[in-house]
Amino acid sequence: MAKETQIGWDNYCFRKTYWTSLLRAKNKKSAGYQSAVNYLVSAYWKPVYFYIRRKGYDVETAKDLTQSFFTVFLEKEYIKSVDRDKGKFRTFILAALNHFLSREREYIQAKKRGGSKILLSLDFAKAETEIHYEPADKETPEKILTRAWAQAILSQALDRLKDVLDTASDRVYLDVFECYLNTGQADQDTSYKKMAGQFGISETDVRNYLHRVKRKYREYIKDEIRKYVTDEDALKEEMQELFDIL
């Protein structure tokens, strides 16, 4: 019998969404402005960088353009144009990015003249490593951006899961789940048997642990997506798009 764990269910509602934070953050003096900006940059800088690289720009130019894009986005207060009734936020970001790229030389020159007062700390080296795992020829830059967004959602959900399970009593759940992610789903019976031997538990425990953790992981994915939507219909649509693009 699988042991009980503290992996409970969060009572999440739609009151505090990412959209709501962005709408409140239109005023730089508002209490939620900085947190909304921080989330915006952390969630979208890598998809923006991937998009720019897939447009054919070299590494150094793409770095400058990514920095410049968010600098302009914040300094010019593009966020004031956000309207959730007009579609998904990443659609808005993509439109703003394409407009920015059409005037790239102007923005880069302004940055070189020292016009920017914002410096973002972004891990381009890691992003450049990750981009080599993306399909290079079969997908459009738009799909690359959406895929990068989906992977960011999964990463955020996984980080949250690790925080919850990183205790002495629940660590085995995390170990089994990470082993499962690394081995994939091929020949499950064999992999379950190996994991049982590796962690000193029964195959039934392996199955039970994975079932519970995968359910929780899916809930955390939903929680991340709920930051962008305001109702269950939109949540279902985003979930479907996320798994379709991966």
Protein backbone atom coordinates (compact mmCIF):
# COMPACT_ATOMS: atom_id res chain seq x y z
CA MET A 1 0.00 0.00 0.00
CA ALA A 2 1.45 3.34 -0.99
CA LYS A 3 2.24 5.63 1.88
CA GLU A 4 0.29 8.81 2.42
CA THR A 5 1.93 12.04 1.40
CA GLN A 6 1.38 15.71 1.84
CA ILE A 7 0.75 16.13 -1.87
CA GLY A 8 -2.64 17.74 -1.42
CA TRP A 9 -4.83 19.72 -3.80
CA ASP A 10 -4.62 23.49 -3.94
CA ASN A 11 -7.83 25.48 -3.76
CA TYR A 12 -7.15 27.69 -6.79
CA CYS A 13 -9.54 30.25 -8.21
CA PHE A 14 -9.45 32.63 -11.14
CA ARG A 15 -9.53 35.86 -9.13
CA LYS A 16 -5.83 36.60 -9.40
CA THR A 17 -4.70 35.96 -12.98
CA TYR A 18 -1.69 37.10 -14.91
CA TRP A 19 -4.01 39.15 -17.09
CA THR A 20 -5.38 40.90 -14.01
CA SER A 21 -1.88 41.68 -12.80
CA LEU A 22 -0.92 43.10 -16.19
CA LEU A 23 -4.01 45.26 -16.37
CA ARG A 24 -3.30 46.63 -12.91
CA ALA A 25 0.34 47.14 -13.85
CA LYS A 26 -0.50 49.69 -16.52
CA ASN A 27 0.22 52.26 -13.84
CA LYS A 28 3.91 52.22 -12.88
CA LYS A 29 2.99 53.47 -9.41
CA SER A 30 0.57 50.61 -8.73
CA ALA A 31 1.45 48.01 -6.12
CA GLY A 32 1.42 45.17 -8.64
CA TYR A 33 3.51 46.82 -11.33
CA GLN A 34 6.96 45.43 -10.52
CA SER A 35 5.78 41.88 -9.84
CA ALA A 36 3.83 41.86 -13.12
CA VAL A 37 6.86 43.15 -15.02
CA ASN A 38 9.12 40.57 -13.41
CA TYR A 39 6.74 37.79 -14.37
CA LEU A 40 6.41 39.13 -17.90
CA VAL A 41 10.17 39.10 -18.46
CA SER A 42 10.77 35.73 -16.80
CA ALA A 43 7.95 34.07 -18.76
CA TYR A 44 8.66 35.53 -22.18
CA TRP A 45 12.30 36.50 -22.63
CA LYS A 46 13.37 33.03 -23.75
CA PRO A 47 10.50 32.55 -26.25
CA VAL A 48 11.32 36.01 -27.62
CA TYR A 49 15.01 35.11 -27.92
CA PHE A 50 14.20 31.81 -29.68
CA TYR A 51 11.87 33.62 -32.06
CA ILE A 52 14.53 36.18 -32.96
CA ARG A 53 17.19 33.49 -33.48
CA ARG A 54 14.84 31.52 -35.75
CA LYS A 55 14.35 34.69 -37.77
CA GLY A 56 17.99 34.28 -38.79
CA TYR A 57 19.77 36.71 -36.49
CA ASP A 58 23.15 35.71 -35.08
CA VAL A 59 23.68 35.14 -31.37
CA GLU A 60 25.04 38.56 -30.42
CA THR A 61 22.46 40.45 -32.46
CA ALA A 62 19.67 38.32 -30.98
CA LYS A 63 20.92 39.10 -27.48
CA ASP A 64 20.88 42.84 -28.20
CA LEU A 65 17.45 42.63 -29.79
CA THR A 66 15.97 40.67 -26.90
CA GLN A 67 17.31 43.14 -24.35
CA SER A 68 16.20 46.07 -26.48
CA PHE A 69 12.72 44.64 -27.05
CA PHE A 70 11.92 44.37 -23.34
CA THR A 71 13.54 47.71 -22.67
CA VAL A 72 11.33 49.37 -25.28
CA PHE A 73 8.29 47.36 -24.16
CA LEU A 74 8.72 48.67 -20.61
CA GLU A 75 9.98 52.18 -21.28
CA LYS A 76 7.38 52.90 -23.98
CA GLU A 77 4.72 51.33 -21.76
CA TYR A 78 3.37 48.99 -24.43
CA ILE A 79 1.67 47.22 -21.57
CA LYS A 80 -0.99 49.95 -21.65
CA SER A 81 -2.18 48.53 -24.95
CA VAL A 82 -2.89 45.10 -23.47
CA ASP A 83 -6.55 44.11 -23.81
CA ARG A 84 -7.48 40.55 -22.92
CA ASP A 85 -10.62 40.84 -25.07
CA LYS A 86 -8.36 41.04 -28.14
CA GLY A 87 -6.84 37.59 -27.67
CA LYS A 88 -4.01 35.73 -25.96
CA PHE A 89 -1.19 37.65 -24.36
CA ARG A 90 1.46 35.86 -26.38
CA THR A 91 -0.39 37.00 -29.53
CA PHE A 92 0.00 40.55 -28.26
CA ILE A 93 3.68 39.94 -27.49
CA LEU A 94 4.24 38.52 -30.98
CA ALA A 95 2.62 41.54 -32.64
CA ALA A 96 4.70 43.91 -30.51
CA LEU A 97 7.86 41.92 -31.29
CA ASN A 98 7.25 41.97 -35.04
CA HIS A 99 6.66 45.72 -34.89
CA PHE A 100 9.87 46.10 -32.91
CA LEU A 101 11.90 44.03 -35.37
CA SER A 102 10.66 46.14 -38.26
CA ARG A 103 12.45 49.06 -36.57
CA GLU A 104 15.37 47.09 -35.14
CA ARG A 105 18.16 49.38 -36.31
CA GLU A 106 16.59 52.39 -34.66
CA TYR A 107 16.25 50.62 -31.33
CA ILE A 108 19.74 49.11 -31.38
CA GLN A 109 21.29 52.48 -32.15
CA ALA A 110 19.37 54.06 -29.28
CA LYS A 111 20.65 51.34 -26.96
CA LYS A 112 24.24 51.88 -28.10
CA ARG A 113 23.89 55.62 -27.44
CA GLY A 114 23.07 54.79 -23.86
CA GLY A 115 19.41 55.64 -24.13
CA SER A 116 18.29 52.66 -22.09
CA LYS A 117 18.15 52.77 -18.31
CA ILE A 118 17.03 49.16 -17.96
CA LEU A 119 19.43 46.23 -17.84
CA LEU A 120 17.95 42.76 -17.75
CA SER A 121 19.85 39.79 -16.35
CA LEU A 122 19.14 36.97 -18.80
CA ASP A 123 20.90 33.61 -19.13
CA PHE A 124 21.55 33.65 -22.88
CA ALA A 125 24.21 30.93 -22.66
CA LYS A 126 21.70 28.43 -21.33
CA ALA A 127 19.08 29.53 -23.85
CA GLU A 128 21.52 29.08 -26.71
CA THR A 129 22.14 25.51 -25.57
CA GLU A 130 18.43 24.79 -25.37
CA ILE A 131 17.64 26.21 -28.78
CA HIS A 132 19.61 23.42 -30.43
CA TYR A 133 16.97 20.97 -29.20
CA GLU A 134 14.28 22.85 -31.12
CA PRO A 135 13.26 21.72 -34.62
CA ALA A 136 15.19 23.95 -36.98
CA ASP A 137 13.48 23.42 -40.33
CA LYS A 138 10.00 22.02 -39.82
CA GLU A 139 8.44 24.82 -37.74
CA THR A 140 7.85 28.51 -38.21
CA PRO A 141 9.32 31.06 -35.78
CA GLU A 142 5.76 31.59 -34.51
CA LYS A 143 5.50 27.91 -33.54
CA ILE A 144 8.95 28.08 -31.96
CA LEU A 145 7.76 30.93 -29.75
CA THR A 146 4.64 29.01 -28.75
CA ARG A 147 6.69 25.86 -28.07
CA ALA A 148 9.12 27.83 -25.90
CA TRP A 149 6.16 29.26 -23.98
CA ALA A 150 4.80 25.73 -23.45
CA GLN A 151 8.18 24.48 -22.22
CA ALA A 152 8.42 27.44 -19.83
CA ILE A 153 5.02 26.47 -18.40
CA LEU A 154 6.18 22.87 -17.88
CA SER A 155 9.43 24.04 -16.30
CA GLN A 156 7.64 26.34 -13.87
CA ALA A 157 5.23 23.55 -12.91
CA LEU A 158 8.10 21.09 -12.42
CA ASP A 159 10.01 23.57 -10.22
CA ARG A 160 6.94 23.95 -8.06
CA LEU A 161 6.54 20.19 -7.84
CA LYS A 162 10.15 19.83 -6.76
CA ASP A 163 9.67 22.41 -4.03
CA VAL A 164 6.69 20.49 -2.66
CA LEU A 165 8.36 17.07 -2.79
CA ASP A 166 11.85 18.04 -1.68
CA THR A 167 11.41 16.71 1.87
CA ALA A 168 12.72 13.58 3.53
CA SER A 169 9.29 11.93 3.58
CA ASP A 170 8.32 12.73 -0.01
CA ARG A 171 11.68 12.65 -1.76
CA VAL A 172 11.10 9.15 -3.13
CA TYR A 173 8.08 10.45 -5.06
CA LEU A 174 10.29 13.02 -6.75
CA ASP A 175 13.08 10.52 -7.40
CA VAL A 176 10.69 8.07 -9.05
CA PHE A 177 9.07 10.80 -11.13
CA GLU A 178 12.39 12.23 -12.33
CA CYS A 179 13.57 8.73 -13.24
CA TYR A 180 10.34 8.24 -15.18
CA LEU A 181 10.87 11.52 -17.06
CA ASN A 182 14.42 10.54 -17.94
CA THR A 183 13.55 7.06 -19.20
CA GLY A 184 10.34 7.97 -21.03
CA GLN A 185 7.36 5.68 -21.48
CA ALA A 186 8.90 3.00 -23.70
CA ASP A 187 8.61 -0.53 -22.26
CA GLN A 188 6.94 0.62 -19.06
CA ASP A 189 6.88 -2.80 -17.40
CA THR A 190 10.67 -3.08 -17.67
CA SER A 191 11.28 0.48 -16.49
CA TYR A 192 8.89 0.07 -13.55
CA LYS A 193 10.72 -3.09 -12.50
CA LYS A 194 14.07 -1.31 -12.69
CA MET A 195 12.79 1.64 -10.68
CA ALA A 196 11.36 -0.69 -8.04
CA GLY A 197 14.76 -2.32 -7.64
CA GLN A 198 16.59 1.01 -7.72
CA PHE A 199 14.47 2.62 -5.00
CA GLY A 200 13.75 -0.48 -2.91
CA ILE A 201 9.99 -0.37 -3.35
CA SER A 202 7.43 -2.57 -5.09
CA GLU A 203 6.31 -2.14 -8.69
CA THR A 204 2.85 -1.36 -7.31
CA ASP A 205 4.36 1.49 -5.31
CA VAL A 206 6.10 2.77 -8.44
CA ARG A 207 2.80 2.85 -10.30
CA ASN A 208 0.97 4.48 -7.41
CA TYR A 209 3.66 7.09 -6.88
CA LEU A 210 3.74 8.00 -10.56
CA HIS A 211 -0.04 8.19 -10.75
CA ARG A 212 -0.23 10.61 -7.85
CA VAL A 213 2.71 12.77 -8.88
CA LYS A 214 1.59 13.00 -12.50
CA ARG A 215 -1.83 14.15 -11.33
CA LYS A 216 -0.20 16.81 -9.18
CA TYR A 217 2.13 17.87 -11.98
CA ARG A 218 -0.84 18.31 -14.30
CA GLU A 219 -2.58 20.45 -11.69
CA TYR A 220 0.49 22.66 -11.38
CA ILE A 221 0.56 23.03 -15.16
CA LYS A 222 -3.07 24.15 -15.00
CA ASP A 223 -2.21 26.60 -12.23
CA GLU A 224 0.50 28.17 -14.39
CA ILE A 225 -1.88 28.50 -17.33
CA ARG A 226 -4.56 29.99 -15.08
CA LYS A 227 -2.27 32.99 -14.71
CA TYR A 228 -3.10 33.81 -18.33
CA VAL A 229 -6.80 32.98 -18.52
CA THR A 230 -10.01 33.90 -16.71
CA ASP A 231 -12.33 30.91 -17.17
CA GLU A 232 -12.34 27.13 -17.53
CA ASP A 233 -13.09 27.15 -21.26
CA ALA A 234 -9.96 29.19 -21.94
CA LEU A 235 -7.99 26.91 -19.62
CA LYS A 236 -9.03 23.81 -21.57
CA GLU A 237 -8.12 25.50 -24.86
CA GLU A 238 -4.67 26.51 -23.59
CA MET A 239 -4.02 23.05 -22.15
CA GLN A 240 -4.86 21.47 -25.47
CA GLU A 241 -2.63 23.90 -27.35
CA LEU A 242 0.23 23.31 -24.93
CA PHE A 243 0.22 19.53 -25.42
CA ASP A 244 -0.40 19.83 -29.16
CA ILE A 245 2.70 21.97 -29.67
CA LEU A 246 5.04 19.73 -27.66
